PDB file of N, CA and C in Angstrom:
ATOM      1  N   UNK A   1       6.966  -1.505  -4.260  1.00  0.00           N
ATOM      2  CA  UNK A   1       6.782  -2.794  -4.899  1.00  0.00           C
ATOM      3  C   UNK A   1       5.313  -3.186  -4.782  1.00  0.00           C
ATOM      4  N   UNK A   2       4.739  -3.674  -5.862  1.00  0.00           N
ATOM      5  CA  UNK A   2       3.342  -4.089  -5.886  1.00  0.00           C
ATOM      6  C   UNK A   2       3.250  -5.610  -5.763  1.00  0.00           C
ATOM      7  N   UNK A   3       2.742  -6.062  -4.636  1.00  0.00           N
ATOM      8  CA  UNK A   3       2.590  -7.493  -4.389  1.00  0.00           C
ATOM      9  C   UNK A   3       1.130  -7.930  -4.489  1.00  0.00           C
ATOM     10  N   UNK A   4       0.287  -7.116  -5.121  1.00  0.00           N
ATOM     11  CA  UNK A   4      -1.147  -7.413  -5.158  1.00  0.00           C
ATOM     12  C   UNK A   4      -1.462  -8.731  -5.862  1.00  0.00           C
ATOM     13  N   UNK A   5      -0.592  -9.191  -6.750  1.00  0.00           N
ATOM     14  CA  UNK A   5      -0.819 -10.437  -7.480  1.00  0.00           C
ATOM     15  C   UNK A   5       0.240 -11.487  -7.126  1.00  0.00           C
ATOM     16  N   UNK A   6       0.711 -11.466  -5.882  1.00  0.00           N
ATOM     17  CA  UNK A   6       1.819 -12.356  -5.518  1.00  0.00           C
ATOM     18  C   UNK A   6       1.480 -13.831  -5.683  1.00  0.00           C
ATOM     19  N   UNK A   7       0.224 -14.210  -5.511  1.00  0.00           N
ATOM     20  CA  UNK A   7      -0.142 -15.618  -5.662  1.00  0.00           C
ATOM     21  C   UNK A   7      -0.110 -16.068  -7.124  1.00  0.00           C
ATOM     22  N   UNK A   8      -0.183 -15.134  -8.047  1.00  0.00           N
ATOM     23  CA  UNK A   8      -0.132 -15.470  -9.468  1.00  0.00           C
ATOM     24  C   UNK A   8       1.263 -15.393 -10.072  1.00  0.00           C
ATOM     25  N   UNK A   9       2.231 -14.958  -9.274  1.00  0.00           N
ATOM     26  CA  UNK A   9       3.597 -14.806  -9.776  1.00  0.00           C
ATOM     27  C   UNK A   9       4.331 -16.144  -9.814  1.00  0.00           C
ATOM     28  N   UNK A  10       5.309 -16.218 -10.690  1.00  0.00           N
ATOM     29  CA  UNK A  10       6.228 -17.349 -10.698  1.00  0.00           C
ATOM     30  C   UNK A  10       6.964 -17.338  -9.353  1.00  0.00           C
ATOM     31  N   UNK A  11       7.025 -18.482  -8.656  1.00  0.00           N
ATOM     32  CA  UNK A  11       7.629 -18.484  -7.323  1.00  0.00           C
ATOM     33  C   UNK A  11       9.112 -18.115  -7.315  1.00  0.00           C
ATOM     34  N   UNK A  12       9.822 -18.383  -8.394  1.00  0.00           N
ATOM     35  CA  UNK A  12      11.242 -18.044  -8.449  1.00  0.00           C
ATOM     36  C   UNK A  12      11.441 -16.536  -8.613  1.00  0.00           C
ATOM     37  N   UNK A  13      10.531 -15.883  -9.293  1.00  0.00           N
ATOM     38  CA  UNK A  13      10.559 -14.417  -9.383  1.00  0.00           C
ATOM     39  C   UNK A  13      10.110 -13.815  -8.055  1.00  0.00           C
ATOM     40  N   UNK A  14       9.063 -14.403  -7.477  1.00  0.00           N
ATOM     41  CA  UNK A  14       8.508 -13.896  -6.228  1.00  0.00           C
ATOM     42  C   UNK A  14       9.537 -13.948  -5.111  1.00  0.00           C
ATOM     43  N   UNK A  15      10.292 -15.039  -5.001  1.00  0.00           N
ATOM     44  CA  UNK A  15      11.275 -15.135  -3.920  1.00  0.00           C
ATOM     45  C   UNK A  15      12.325 -14.036  -4.036  1.00  0.00           C
ATOM     46  N   UNK A  16      12.716 -13.703  -5.246  1.00  0.00           N
ATOM     47  CA  UNK A  16      13.664 -12.609  -5.440  1.00  0.00           C
ATOM     48  C   UNK A  16      13.090 -11.276  -5.009  1.00  0.00           C
ATOM     49  N   UNK A  17      11.846 -11.031  -5.364  1.00  0.00           N
ATOM     50  CA  UNK A  17      11.191  -9.779  -4.980  1.00  0.00           C
ATOM     51  C   UNK A  17      11.002  -9.684  -3.474  1.00  0.00           C
ATOM     52  N   UNK A  18      10.568 -10.791  -2.866  1.00  0.00           N
ATOM     53  CA  UNK A  18      10.350 -10.802  -1.416  1.00  0.00           C
ATOM     54  C   UNK A  18      11.670 -10.589  -0.684  1.00  0.00           C
ATOM     55  N   UNK A  19      12.715 -11.298  -1.089  1.00  0.00           N
ATOM     56  CA  UNK A  19      14.005 -11.149  -0.417  1.00  0.00           C
ATOM     57  C   UNK A  19      14.583  -9.750  -0.593  1.00  0.00           C
ATOM     58  N   UNK A  20      14.390  -9.165  -1.754  1.00  0.00           N
ATOM     59  CA  UNK A  20      14.844  -7.791  -1.979  1.00  0.00           C
ATOM     60  C   UNK A  20      14.086  -6.829  -1.074  1.00  0.00           C
ATOM     61  N   UNK A  21      12.790  -7.018  -0.974  1.00  0.00           N
ATOM     62  CA  UNK A  21      11.968  -6.170  -0.113  1.00  0.00           C
ATOM     63  C   UNK A  21      12.375  -6.333   1.352  1.00  0.00           C
ATOM     64  N   UNK A  22      12.622  -7.571   1.760  1.00  0.00           N
ATOM     65  CA  UNK A  22      13.069  -7.816   3.132  1.00  0.00           C
ATOM     66  C   UNK A  22      14.400  -7.125   3.412  1.00  0.00           C
ATOM     67  N   UNK A  23      15.307  -7.217   2.485  1.00  0.00           N
ATOM     68  CA  UNK A  23      16.646  -6.646   2.666  1.00  0.00           C
ATOM     69  C   UNK A  23      16.620  -5.116   2.657  1.00  0.00           C
ATOM     70  N   UNK A  24      15.844  -4.534   1.758  1.00  0.00           N
ATOM     71  CA  UNK A  24      15.939  -3.089   1.529  1.00  0.00           C
ATOM     72  C   UNK A  24      14.872  -2.233   2.200  1.00  0.00           C
ATOM     73  N   UNK A  25      13.699  -2.810   2.491  1.00  0.00           N
ATOM     74  CA  UNK A  25      12.599  -1.951   2.922  1.00  0.00           C
ATOM     75  C   UNK A  25      11.815  -2.429   4.136  1.00  0.00           C
ATOM     76  N   UNK A  26      12.099  -3.610   4.643  1.00  0.00           N
ATOM     77  CA  UNK A  26      11.309  -4.153   5.752  1.00  0.00           C
ATOM     78  C   UNK A  26      12.196  -4.478   6.936  1.00  0.00           C
ATOM     79  N   UNK A  27      11.672  -4.220   8.121  1.00  0.00           N
ATOM     80  CA  UNK A  27      12.418  -4.532   9.324  1.00  0.00           C
ATOM     81  C   UNK A  27      12.334  -6.017   9.667  1.00  0.00           C
ATOM     82  N   UNK A  28      11.280  -6.683   9.189  1.00  0.00           N
ATOM     83  CA  UNK A  28      11.072  -8.097   9.496  1.00  0.00           C
ATOM     84  C   UNK A  28      10.092  -8.679   8.481  1.00  0.00           C
ATOM     85  N   UNK A  29       9.943  -9.994   8.522  1.00  0.00           N
ATOM     86  CA  UNK A  29       8.947 -10.636   7.670  1.00  0.00           C
ATOM     87  C   UNK A  29       7.559 -10.137   8.037  1.00  0.00           C
ATOM     88  N   UNK A  30       7.295 -10.003   9.319  1.00  0.00           N
ATOM     89  CA  UNK A  30       5.987  -9.515   9.768  1.00  0.00           C
ATOM     90  C   UNK A  30       5.702  -8.114   9.233  1.00  0.00           C
ATOM     91  N   UNK A  31       6.719  -7.272   9.199  1.00  0.00           N
ATOM     92  CA  UNK A  31       6.578  -5.926   8.653  1.00  0.00           C
ATOM     93  C   UNK A  31       6.221  -5.972   7.173  1.00  0.00           C
ATOM     94  N   UNK A  32       6.909  -6.824   6.409  1.00  0.00           N
ATOM     95  CA  UNK A  32       6.616  -6.976   4.982  1.00  0.00           C
ATOM     96  C   UNK A  32       5.176  -7.445   4.780  1.00  0.00           C
ATOM     97  N   UNK A  33       4.763  -8.444   5.548  1.00  0.00           N
ATOM     98  CA  UNK A  33       3.405  -8.979   5.416  1.00  0.00           C
ATOM     99  C   UNK A  33       2.361  -7.909   5.689  1.00  0.00           C
ATOM    100  N   UNK A  34       2.564  -7.163   6.753  1.00  0.00           N
ATOM    101  CA  UNK A  34       1.608  -6.118   7.135  1.00  0.00           C
ATOM    102  C   UNK A  34       1.581  -4.980   6.111  1.00  0.00           C
ATOM    103  N   UNK A  35       2.761  -4.564   5.675  1.00  0.00           N
ATOM    104  CA  UNK A  35       2.866  -3.446   4.724  1.00  0.00           C
ATOM    105  C   UNK A  35       2.177  -3.762   3.403  1.00  0.00           C
ATOM    106  N   UNK A  36       2.310  -5.004   2.939  1.00  0.00           N
ATOM    107  CA  UNK A  36       1.795  -5.365   1.620  1.00  0.00           C
ATOM    108  C   UNK A  36       0.526  -6.214   1.679  1.00  0.00           C
ATOM    109  N   UNK A  37      -0.063  -6.337   2.877  1.00  0.00           N
ATOM    110  CA  UNK A  37      -1.307  -7.088   3.061  1.00  0.00           C
ATOM    111  C   UNK A  37      -1.193  -8.499   2.481  1.00  0.00           C
ATOM    112  N   UNK A  38      -0.141  -9.202   2.902  1.00  0.00           N
ATOM    113  CA  UNK A  38       0.140 -10.562   2.458  1.00  0.00           C
ATOM    114  C   UNK A  38      -0.139 -11.523   3.606  1.00  0.00           C
ATOM    115  N   UNK A  39      -0.759 -12.635   3.305  1.00  0.00           N
ATOM    116  CA  UNK A  39      -1.014 -13.668   4.306  1.00  0.00           C
ATOM    117  C   UNK A  39       0.205 -14.586   4.405  1.00  0.00           C
ATOM    118  N   UNK A  40       0.720 -14.773   5.613  1.00  0.00           N
ATOM    119  CA  UNK A  40       1.907 -15.601   5.824  1.00  0.00           C
ATOM    120  C   UNK A  40       1.704 -17.007   5.277  1.00  0.00           C
ATOM    121  N   UNK A  41       0.596 -17.637   5.589  1.00  0.00           N
ATOM    122  CA  UNK A  41       0.341 -19.003   5.126  1.00  0.00           C
ATOM    123  C   UNK A  41       0.335 -19.114   3.614  1.00  0.00           C
ATOM    124  N   UNK A  42      -0.266 -18.147   2.947  1.00  0.00           N
ATOM    125  CA  UNK A  42      -0.306 -18.156   1.482  1.00  0.00           C
ATOM    126  C   UNK A  42       1.090 -17.993   0.888  1.00  0.00           C
ATOM    127  N   UNK A  43       1.872 -17.076   1.461  1.00  0.00           N
ATOM    128  CA  UNK A  43       3.226 -16.849   0.961  1.00  0.00           C
ATOM    129  C   UNK A  43       4.097 -18.084   1.191  1.00  0.00           C
ATOM    130  N   UNK A  44       4.017 -18.659   2.389  1.00  0.00           N
ATOM    131  CA  UNK A  44       4.811 -19.851   2.684  1.00  0.00           C
ATOM    132  C   UNK A  44       4.419 -21.025   1.798  1.00  0.00           C
ATOM    133  N   UNK A  45       3.134 -21.182   1.524  1.00  0.00           N
ATOM    134  CA  UNK A  45       2.673 -22.261   0.645  1.00  0.00           C
ATOM    135  C   UNK A  45       3.191 -22.048  -0.771  1.00  0.00           C
ATOM    136  N   UNK A  46       3.029 -20.831  -1.284  1.00  0.00           N
ATOM    137  CA  UNK A  46       3.460 -20.515  -2.649  1.00  0.00           C
ATOM    138  C   UNK A  46       4.956 -20.763  -2.829  1.00  0.00           C
ATOM    139  N   UNK A  47       5.752 -20.249  -1.907  1.00  0.00           N
ATOM    140  CA  UNK A  47       7.199 -20.409  -2.022  1.00  0.00           C
ATOM    141  C   UNK A  47       7.637 -21.819  -1.631  1.00  0.00           C
ATOM    142  N   UNK A  48       6.936 -22.432  -0.705  1.00  0.00           N
ATOM    143  CA  UNK A  48       7.254 -23.790  -0.283  1.00  0.00           C
ATOM    144  C   UNK A  48       7.075 -24.805  -1.393  1.00  0.00           C
ATOM    145  N   UNK A  49       6.095 -24.603  -2.251  1.00  0.00           N
ATOM    146  CA  UNK A  49       5.866 -25.503  -3.387  1.00  0.00           C
ATOM    147  C   UNK A  49       7.063 -25.513  -4.341  1.00  0.00           C
ATOM    148  N   UNK A  50       7.852 -24.443  -4.321  1.00  0.00           N
ATOM    149  CA  UNK A  50       9.046 -24.356  -5.170  1.00  0.00           C
ATOM    150  C   UNK A  50      10.309 -24.690  -4.378  1.00  0.00           C
ATOM    151  N   UNK A  51      10.139 -25.126  -3.130  1.00  0.00           N
ATOM    152  CA  UNK A  51      11.278 -25.555  -2.329  1.00  0.00           C
ATOM    153  C   UNK A  51      11.904 -24.497  -1.442  1.00  0.00           C
ATOM    154  N   UNK A  52      11.261 -23.337  -1.331  1.00  0.00           N
ATOM    155  CA  UNK A  52      11.810 -22.265  -0.500  1.00  0.00           C
ATOM    156  C   UNK A  52      11.179 -22.293   0.885  1.00  0.00           C
ATOM    157  N   UNK A  53      11.977 -21.956   1.896  1.00  0.00           N
ATOM    158  CA  UNK A  53      11.441 -21.762   3.231  1.00  0.00           C
ATOM    159  C   UNK A  53      12.141 -20.568   3.867  1.00  0.00           C
ATOM    160  N   UNK A  54      11.453 -19.954   4.817  1.00  0.00           N
ATOM    161  CA  UNK A  54      11.988 -18.752   5.451  1.00  0.00           C
ATOM    162  C   UNK A  54      13.061 -19.112   6.464  1.00  0.00           C
ATOM    163  N   UNK A  55      14.188 -18.424   6.368  1.00  0.00           N
ATOM    164  CA  UNK A  55      15.307 -18.590   7.290  1.00  0.00           C
ATOM    165  C   UNK A  55      15.423 -17.308   8.115  1.00  0.00           C
ATOM    166  N   UNK A  56      14.885 -17.318   9.337  1.00  0.00           N
ATOM    167  CA  UNK A  56      14.887 -16.082  10.129  1.00  0.00           C
ATOM    168  C   UNK A  56      16.287 -15.545  10.431  1.00  0.00           C
ATOM    169  N   UNK A  57      17.266 -16.430  10.556  1.00  0.00           N
ATOM    170  CA  UNK A  57      18.627 -15.979  10.856  1.00  0.00           C
ATOM    171  C   UNK A  57      19.180 -15.106   9.727  1.00  0.00           C
ATOM    172  N   UNK A  58      18.846 -15.459   8.496  1.00  0.00           N
ATOM    173  CA  UNK A  58      19.308 -14.691   7.333  1.00  0.00           C
ATOM    174  C   UNK A  58      18.297 -13.642   6.889  1.00  0.00           C
ATOM    175  N   UNK A  59      17.091 -13.710   7.458  1.00  0.00           N
ATOM    176  CA  UNK A  59      15.996 -12.811   7.086  1.00  0.00           C
ATOM    177  C   UNK A  59      15.716 -12.899   5.589  1.00  0.00           C
ATOM    178  N   UNK A  60      15.599 -14.153   5.102  1.00  0.00           N
ATOM    179  CA  UNK A  60      15.282 -14.362   3.688  1.00  0.00           C
ATOM    180  C   UNK A  60      14.749 -15.778   3.464  1.00  0.00           C
ATOM    181  N   UNK A  61      14.099 -15.936   2.329  1.00  0.00           N
ATOM    182  CA  UNK A  61      13.658 -17.257   1.904  1.00  0.00           C
ATOM    183  C   UNK A  61      14.796 -17.882   1.114  1.00  0.00           C
ATOM    184  N   UNK A  62      15.024 -19.175   1.374  1.00  0.00           N
ATOM    185  CA  UNK A  62      16.059 -19.912   0.634  1.00  0.00           C
ATOM    186  C   UNK A  62      15.497 -21.245   0.220  1.00  0.00           C
TER     187      UNK A  62
END
Protein backbone atom coordinates (compact mmCIF):
# COMPACT_ATOMS: atom_id res chain seq x y z
CA UNK A 1 0.00 0.00 0.00
CA UNK A 2 1.33 3.45 -0.92
CA UNK A 3 0.69 6.02 1.79
CA UNK A 4 3.07 8.64 0.37
CA UNK A 5 0.17 11.08 -0.20
CA UNK A 6 -1.89 10.23 2.89
CA UNK A 7 -2.31 13.88 3.88
CA UNK A 8 -3.92 14.62 0.51
CA UNK A 9 -6.37 11.72 0.65
CA UNK A 10 -10.03 11.95 1.52
CA UNK A 11 -10.15 11.06 5.24
CA UNK A 12 -13.00 8.57 4.75
CA UNK A 13 -10.97 6.68 2.15
CA UNK A 14 -7.82 6.98 4.26
CA UNK A 15 -9.45 5.48 7.36
CA UNK A 16 -10.47 2.43 5.34
CA UNK A 17 -6.97 1.99 3.97
CA UNK A 18 -5.34 2.48 7.37
CA UNK A 19 -7.70 0.05 9.10
CA UNK A 20 -7.18 -2.54 6.37
CA UNK A 21 -3.42 -2.17 6.69
CA UNK A 22 -3.66 -2.47 10.48
CA UNK A 23 -5.79 -5.60 10.22
CA UNK A 24 -3.87 -7.38 7.47
CA UNK A 25 -0.25 -6.25 7.52
CA UNK A 26 0.74 -4.47 10.74
CA UNK A 27 1.32 -5.74 14.23
CA UNK A 28 0.44 -2.36 15.75
CA UNK A 29 -0.22 1.27 14.92
CA UNK A 30 3.43 2.00 15.66
CA UNK A 31 4.45 -0.69 13.16
CA UNK A 32 2.23 0.85 10.46
CA UNK A 33 3.64 4.33 11.14
CA UNK A 34 7.23 3.13 10.98
CA UNK A 35 6.71 0.93 7.90
CA UNK A 36 5.07 3.70 5.88
CA UNK A 37 6.99 6.68 7.33
CA UNK A 38 3.81 8.30 8.67
CA UNK A 39 3.78 10.85 11.47
CA UNK A 40 1.32 9.92 14.24
CA UNK A 41 0.29 13.53 14.89
CA UNK A 42 -0.40 14.18 11.21
CA UNK A 43 -2.45 11.00 10.84
CA UNK A 44 -4.45 11.67 14.01
CA UNK A 45 -5.12 15.27 12.93
CA UNK A 46 -6.20 14.24 9.43
CA UNK A 47 -8.54 11.52 10.64
CA UNK A 48 -9.64 13.48 13.71
CA UNK A 49 -10.94 16.32 11.53
CA UNK A 50 -13.39 13.77 10.06
CA UNK A 51 -14.38 12.48 13.51
CA UNK A 52 -12.17 9.39 13.69
CA UNK A 53 -9.98 8.45 16.63
CA UNK A 54 -7.77 5.46 17.29
CA UNK A 55 -9.24 2.70 19.44
CA UNK A 56 -6.33 0.58 20.68
CA UNK A 57 -8.63 -2.17 21.98
CA UNK A 58 -9.98 -2.75 18.46
CA UNK A 59 -6.70 -1.80 16.75
CA UNK A 60 -8.53 0.54 14.38
CA UNK A 61 -9.72 4.07 13.84
CA UNK A 62 -13.44 4.62 14.41
